[in-house]
Amino acid sequence: MISTSDFRKGRKILFQNEPYMVIEFVHVKPGKGGAFVRTKMKNLITGLMHEETFRSGEKFADPGLEYKDMQYLYHDENLYHFMDLESYEQMSFNKNQVEEALDFLKEQETYNIVYFQDKPIAVNPPMFMELVVKEAPPGVRGNTAQGAATKPATLETGLVLQVPLFVNEGDIVKIDTRDNKYIERVTK
């Protein structure tokens, strides 16, 4: 059982028979009455945000999520096809299920699939990915106002993010998929 005192950002709970992830939470101790916890949660199946207030000490069941590694194969029309690395069974996911990883889908890459009650509900990308820069305007040193020397770059997956001026087309860059930030240029 998970108590409200165990709430952390990213904690997963079972609420109204559906898995939720805690996005934000605040413990409130009013001068009169009992303490409570105000939370902002995301439904892991529908993706909808939900705000709820719970009494302090209220308990929730663990959602019993399972995780499986699968390799991304290809995309056609509205479906994204993955292969289980253990059984070689292929599965197809709709756009809602791959929404978290959409900017990072790369063929032959391994992704973490989240299951709830034996049904896949989400696709998570690896924490760090190495992607090829497809388009990057030339960087000019005089373009910096406060010394933040960055420029937009389009990666092989279509994601556009800010990179340092020295990054050029064809370079491989390492990206943190949690916050879509450039980490470093990779030399191979």
Foldseek 3Di string as FASTA:
>chain_A
DDFPVNADQQAWFQDPNFIKGWHDKDWDCDPDDAIKMWTWIAGLQQRDIDIDIGGGGDDTHHQPKDKFKWFWADDDDFWTWTAGPPPRDIDIDGCQQEVLCQLPDDGRAIWIFIDGPNHTRHIHHPQKDKWFFADWDQFDPVPDDPPPAWGWTQTPSRDIDIDHNVDHGGWIFMAGSVVRDTDGTDDD
